[in-house]
């Protein structure tokens, strides 16, 4: 049975690349610190992972003979990227609540 996740992954991953890039731009506006450097690095990696997921899902749509394999890889990368993005957000918020001061 064909799942055809590529259509969904393509749209959402492309949007998430934009979200990560926007977050990177916003973080550049705050004073520099050790945490902001860490967040920059993680969001940059996350953005590249979402881009890879976007490219793989596009490839799966274009090449039907190998689409299931590329679709599965794109799905795994997408889910890993989402987990990384949420973990980064929770990590940043928890540092603020712990009382580390200005986390960014």
N, C-alpha and C. Protein backbone atom coordinates (compact mmCIF):
# COMPACT_ATOMS: atom_id res chain seq x y z
N UNK A 1 0.85 -1.19 0.00
CA UNK A 1 0.00 0.00 0.00
C UNK A 1 0.89 1.24 0.00
N UNK A 2 0.62 2.14 -0.89
CA UNK A 2 1.39 3.38 -1.05
C UNK A 2 0.92 4.40 -0.03
N UNK A 3 1.86 4.93 0.75
CA UNK A 3 1.51 5.91 1.78
C UNK A 3 1.43 7.32 1.22
N UNK A 4 2.29 7.62 0.26
CA UNK A 4 2.34 8.93 -0.39
C UNK A 4 2.51 10.08 0.62
N UNK A 5 3.47 9.90 1.50
CA UNK A 5 3.78 10.93 2.49
C UNK A 5 4.57 12.08 1.89
N UNK A 6 5.16 11.85 0.73
CA UNK A 6 6.06 12.85 0.14
C UNK A 6 5.40 14.20 -0.06
N UNK A 7 4.13 14.21 -0.44
CA UNK A 7 3.43 15.49 -0.61
C UNK A 7 3.40 16.28 0.69
N UNK A 8 3.13 15.61 1.78
CA UNK A 8 3.05 16.27 3.08
C UNK A 8 4.43 16.69 3.58
N UNK A 9 5.39 15.77 3.45
CA UNK A 9 6.74 16.06 3.92
C UNK A 9 7.33 17.24 3.16
N UNK A 10 7.11 17.28 1.85
CA UNK A 10 7.65 18.36 1.02
C UNK A 10 7.14 19.72 1.50
N UNK A 11 5.84 19.83 1.68
CA UNK A 11 5.26 21.11 2.10
C UNK A 11 5.70 21.53 3.50
N UNK A 12 5.62 20.62 4.43
CA UNK A 12 5.92 20.98 5.81
C UNK A 12 7.41 21.19 6.02
N UNK A 13 8.25 20.37 5.41
CA UNK A 13 9.70 20.54 5.56
C UNK A 13 10.16 21.87 4.99
N UNK A 14 9.62 22.24 3.85
CA UNK A 14 10.00 23.53 3.25
C UNK A 14 9.59 24.68 4.17
N UNK A 15 8.43 24.56 4.79
CA UNK A 15 7.99 25.58 5.73
C UNK A 15 8.90 25.62 6.96
N UNK A 16 9.30 24.45 7.44
CA UNK A 16 10.15 24.39 8.63
C UNK A 16 11.55 24.94 8.36
N UNK A 17 12.03 24.83 7.13
CA UNK A 17 13.31 25.48 6.79
C UNK A 17 13.16 26.98 7.01
N UNK A 18 12.05 27.54 6.54
CA UNK A 18 11.80 28.97 6.74
C UNK A 18 11.67 29.34 8.20
N UNK A 19 11.02 28.48 8.98
CA UNK A 19 10.87 28.74 10.41
C UNK A 19 12.24 28.76 11.09
N UNK A 20 13.08 27.80 10.78
CA UNK A 20 14.42 27.76 11.38
C UNK A 20 15.24 28.98 10.97
N UNK A 21 15.16 29.37 9.72
CA UNK A 21 15.91 30.54 9.27
C UNK A 21 15.41 31.82 9.94
N UNK A 22 14.10 31.92 10.14
CA UNK A 22 13.53 33.07 10.83
C UNK A 22 14.00 33.10 12.28
N UNK A 23 14.00 31.95 12.93
CA UNK A 23 14.47 31.89 14.31
C UNK A 23 15.94 32.28 14.40
N UNK A 24 16.75 31.83 13.44
CA UNK A 24 18.16 32.21 13.41
C UNK A 24 18.31 33.72 13.28
N UNK A 25 17.49 34.32 12.45
CA UNK A 25 17.56 35.78 12.27
C UNK A 25 17.17 36.52 13.54
N UNK A 26 16.14 36.04 14.21
CA UNK A 26 15.68 36.68 15.44
C UNK A 26 16.73 36.56 16.54
N UNK A 27 17.38 35.41 16.64
CA UNK A 27 18.39 35.21 17.67
C UNK A 27 19.59 36.12 17.45
N UNK A 28 19.83 36.51 16.21
CA UNK A 28 20.94 37.44 15.93
C UNK A 28 20.71 38.82 16.52
N UNK A 29 19.46 39.13 16.87
CA UNK A 29 19.13 40.45 17.42
C UNK A 29 19.41 40.58 18.91
N UNK A 30 19.56 39.46 19.60
CA UNK A 30 19.78 39.51 21.04
C UNK A 30 21.27 39.51 21.35
N UNK A 31 21.66 39.95 22.54
CA UNK A 31 23.08 39.96 22.91
C UNK A 31 23.69 38.55 22.82
N UNK A 32 24.93 38.51 22.44
CA UNK A 32 25.61 37.23 22.26
C UNK A 32 25.98 36.60 23.59
N UNK A 33 25.89 35.30 23.63
CA UNK A 33 26.28 34.54 24.81
C UNK A 33 26.54 33.11 24.40
N UNK A 34 26.91 32.28 25.36
CA UNK A 34 27.22 30.88 25.07
C UNK A 34 25.99 30.13 24.57
N UNK A 35 24.84 30.45 25.14
CA UNK A 35 23.62 29.76 24.74
C UNK A 35 23.21 30.16 23.33
N UNK A 36 23.33 31.44 22.99
CA UNK A 36 22.92 31.86 21.65
C UNK A 36 23.78 31.20 20.59
N UNK A 37 25.04 30.98 20.89
CA UNK A 37 25.93 30.27 19.94
C UNK A 37 25.46 28.83 19.76
N UNK A 38 25.10 28.19 20.88
CA UNK A 38 24.61 26.82 20.85
C UNK A 38 23.31 26.72 20.06
N UNK A 39 22.40 27.65 20.31
CA UNK A 39 21.13 27.66 19.60
C UNK A 39 21.34 27.92 18.11
N UNK A 40 22.25 28.83 17.77
CA UNK A 40 22.57 29.07 16.36
C UNK A 40 23.03 27.79 15.67
N UNK A 41 23.93 27.08 16.32
CA UNK A 41 24.48 25.86 15.72
C UNK A 41 23.40 24.79 15.53
N UNK A 42 22.58 24.60 16.56
CA UNK A 42 21.54 23.57 16.48
C UNK A 42 20.50 23.94 15.43
N UNK A 43 20.08 25.20 15.40
CA UNK A 43 19.09 25.61 14.40
C UNK A 43 19.64 25.54 12.98
N UNK A 44 20.91 25.82 12.82
CA UNK A 44 21.52 25.69 11.50
C UNK A 44 21.53 24.24 11.05
N UNK A 45 21.90 23.34 11.94
CA UNK A 45 21.87 21.92 11.63
C UNK A 45 20.45 21.46 11.34
N UNK A 46 19.52 21.91 12.15
CA UNK A 46 18.12 21.55 11.98
C UNK A 46 17.59 22.03 10.62
N UNK A 47 17.96 23.23 10.24
CA UNK A 47 17.54 23.78 8.96
C UNK A 47 18.07 22.93 7.81
N UNK A 48 19.32 22.51 7.92
CA UNK A 48 19.90 21.64 6.88
C UNK A 48 19.20 20.29 6.82
N UNK A 49 18.83 19.75 7.97
CA UNK A 49 18.11 18.48 8.00
C UNK A 49 16.73 18.61 7.36
N UNK A 50 16.03 19.69 7.66
CA UNK A 50 14.73 19.92 7.01
C UNK A 50 14.90 20.10 5.51
N UNK A 51 15.96 20.78 5.09
CA UNK A 51 16.21 20.94 3.66
C UNK A 51 16.48 19.60 3.01
N UNK A 52 17.25 18.74 3.66
CA UNK A 52 17.51 17.41 3.13
C UNK A 52 16.22 16.60 3.02
N UNK A 53 15.38 16.71 4.01
CA UNK A 53 14.08 16.03 3.98
C UNK A 53 13.23 16.54 2.82
N UNK A 54 13.26 17.85 2.59
CA UNK A 54 12.52 18.45 1.48
C UNK A 54 13.03 17.91 0.15
N UNK A 55 14.34 17.88 -0.01
CA UNK A 55 14.92 17.40 -1.26
C UNK A 55 14.62 15.92 -1.51
N UNK A 56 14.70 15.11 -0.46
CA UNK A 56 14.41 13.69 -0.61
C UNK A 56 12.94 13.44 -0.95
N UNK A 57 12.04 14.19 -0.34
CA UNK A 57 10.62 14.01 -0.65
C UNK A 57 10.32 14.48 -2.07
N UNK A 58 10.99 15.53 -2.51
CA UNK A 58 10.82 15.97 -3.90
C UNK A 58 11.34 14.90 -4.86
N UNK A 59 12.49 14.33 -4.52
CA UNK A 59 13.06 13.26 -5.34
C UNK A 59 12.10 12.07 -5.41
N UNK A 60 11.47 11.75 -4.29
CA UNK A 60 10.52 10.63 -4.26
C UNK A 60 9.31 10.91 -5.14
N UNK A 61 8.88 12.16 -5.20
CA UNK A 61 7.75 12.50 -6.07
C UNK A 61 8.12 12.42 -7.54
N UNK A 62 9.36 12.75 -7.85
CA UNK A 62 9.81 12.76 -9.25
C UNK A 62 10.18 11.39 -9.79
N UNK A 63 10.61 10.48 -8.91
CA UNK A 63 11.09 9.17 -9.34
C UNK A 63 10.27 8.08 -8.66
N UNK A 64 9.21 7.69 -9.30
CA UNK A 64 8.26 6.74 -8.71
C UNK A 64 8.86 5.36 -8.46
N UNK A 65 9.86 4.97 -9.26
CA UNK A 65 10.41 3.62 -9.10
C UNK A 65 11.15 3.43 -7.78
N UNK A 66 11.67 4.49 -7.20
CA UNK A 66 12.38 4.40 -5.92
C UNK A 66 11.73 5.30 -4.87
N UNK A 67 10.51 5.67 -5.10
CA UNK A 67 9.87 6.67 -4.24
C UNK A 67 9.70 6.21 -2.80
N UNK A 68 9.39 4.94 -2.60
CA UNK A 68 9.14 4.47 -1.23
C UNK A 68 10.40 4.56 -0.37
N UNK A 69 11.54 4.22 -0.96
CA UNK A 69 12.81 4.28 -0.21
C UNK A 69 13.14 5.72 0.18
N UNK A 70 13.06 6.63 -0.77
CA UNK A 70 13.35 8.03 -0.48
C UNK A 70 12.32 8.64 0.47
N UNK A 71 11.08 8.22 0.31
CA UNK A 71 10.02 8.71 1.19
C UNK A 71 10.27 8.30 2.64
N UNK A 72 10.70 7.06 2.84
CA UNK A 72 10.98 6.58 4.20
C UNK A 72 12.14 7.33 4.83
N UNK A 73 13.20 7.57 4.04
CA UNK A 73 14.36 8.30 4.57
C UNK A 73 13.96 9.74 4.88
N UNK A 74 13.20 10.36 3.98
CA UNK A 74 12.74 11.74 4.21
C UNK A 74 11.88 11.81 5.46
N UNK A 75 11.05 10.80 5.68
CA UNK A 75 10.19 10.77 6.86
C UNK A 75 11.02 10.67 8.14
N UNK A 76 12.03 9.81 8.14
CA UNK A 76 12.90 9.67 9.33
C UNK A 76 13.66 10.95 9.62
N UNK A 77 14.21 11.56 8.59
CA UNK A 77 14.95 12.81 8.78
C UNK A 77 14.01 13.92 9.26
N UNK A 78 12.81 13.97 8.71
CA UNK A 78 11.83 14.97 9.12
C UNK A 78 11.48 14.82 10.60
N UNK A 79 11.20 13.58 11.02
CA UNK A 79 10.83 13.37 12.42
C UNK A 79 11.99 13.69 13.36
N UNK A 80 13.20 13.31 12.96
CA UNK A 80 14.37 13.65 13.78
C UNK A 80 14.57 15.15 13.88
N UNK A 81 14.33 15.85 12.79
CA UNK A 81 14.47 17.31 12.78
C UNK A 81 13.42 17.97 13.66
N UNK A 82 12.21 17.45 13.63
CA UNK A 82 11.16 18.01 14.49
C UNK A 82 11.49 17.80 15.96
N UNK A 83 11.98 16.61 16.29
CA UNK A 83 12.37 16.32 17.67
C UNK A 83 13.50 17.25 18.11
N UNK A 84 14.48 17.46 17.24
CA UNK A 84 15.58 18.35 17.56
C UNK A 84 15.10 19.78 17.77
N UNK A 85 14.18 20.24 16.94
CA UNK A 85 13.65 21.59 17.07
C UNK A 85 12.89 21.77 18.38
N UNK A 86 12.07 20.82 18.72
CA UNK A 86 11.30 20.90 19.98
C UNK A 86 12.24 20.80 21.18
N UNK A 87 13.23 19.92 21.12
CA UNK A 87 14.18 19.79 22.22
C UNK A 87 14.97 21.07 22.41
N UNK A 88 15.34 21.72 21.33
CA UNK A 88 16.05 22.99 21.43
C UNK A 88 15.17 24.05 22.09
N UNK A 89 13.92 24.10 21.70
CA UNK A 89 12.99 25.06 22.30
C UNK A 89 12.79 24.80 23.78
N UNK A 90 12.59 23.53 24.16
CA UNK A 90 12.43 23.21 25.57
C UNK A 90 13.70 23.48 26.36
N UNK A 91 14.84 23.19 25.76
CA UNK A 91 16.11 23.46 26.43
C UNK A 91 16.31 24.93 26.69
N UNK A 92 15.98 25.74 25.72
CA UNK A 92 16.12 27.18 25.86
C UNK A 92 15.17 27.74 26.92
N UNK A 93 13.94 27.29 26.90
CA UNK A 93 12.95 27.75 27.88
C UNK A 93 13.31 27.26 29.28
N UNK A 94 13.77 26.02 29.39
CA UNK A 94 14.11 25.50 30.72
C UNK A 94 15.31 26.24 31.31
N UNK A 95 16.25 26.66 30.48
CA UNK A 95 17.37 27.46 31.00
C UNK A 95 16.88 28.79 31.55
N UNK A 96 15.89 29.37 30.94
CA UNK A 96 15.31 30.62 31.45
C UNK A 96 14.63 30.39 32.79
N UNK A 97 13.88 29.27 32.92
CA UNK A 97 13.15 29.00 34.15
C UNK A 97 14.06 28.56 35.29
N UNK A 98 15.15 27.90 34.98
CA UNK A 98 16.08 27.47 36.01
C UNK A 98 16.71 28.67 36.70
N UNK A 99 16.82 29.75 35.95
CA UNK A 99 17.37 30.95 36.56
C UNK A 99 18.79 31.23 36.11
N UNK A 100 19.14 30.77 34.95
CA UNK A 100 20.48 31.05 34.45
C UNK A 100 20.60 32.49 33.96
N UNK A 101 19.57 33.24 34.15
CA UNK A 101 19.61 34.64 33.73
C UNK A 101 19.21 34.77 32.27
N UNK A 102 19.92 35.61 31.58
CA UNK A 102 19.65 35.85 30.17
C UNK A 102 20.25 34.70 29.37
N UNK A 103 19.43 33.69 29.03
CA UNK A 103 19.93 32.48 28.36
C UNK A 103 20.45 32.77 26.98
N UNK A 104 19.88 33.72 26.31
CA UNK A 104 20.34 34.02 24.97
C UNK A 104 21.53 34.93 25.05
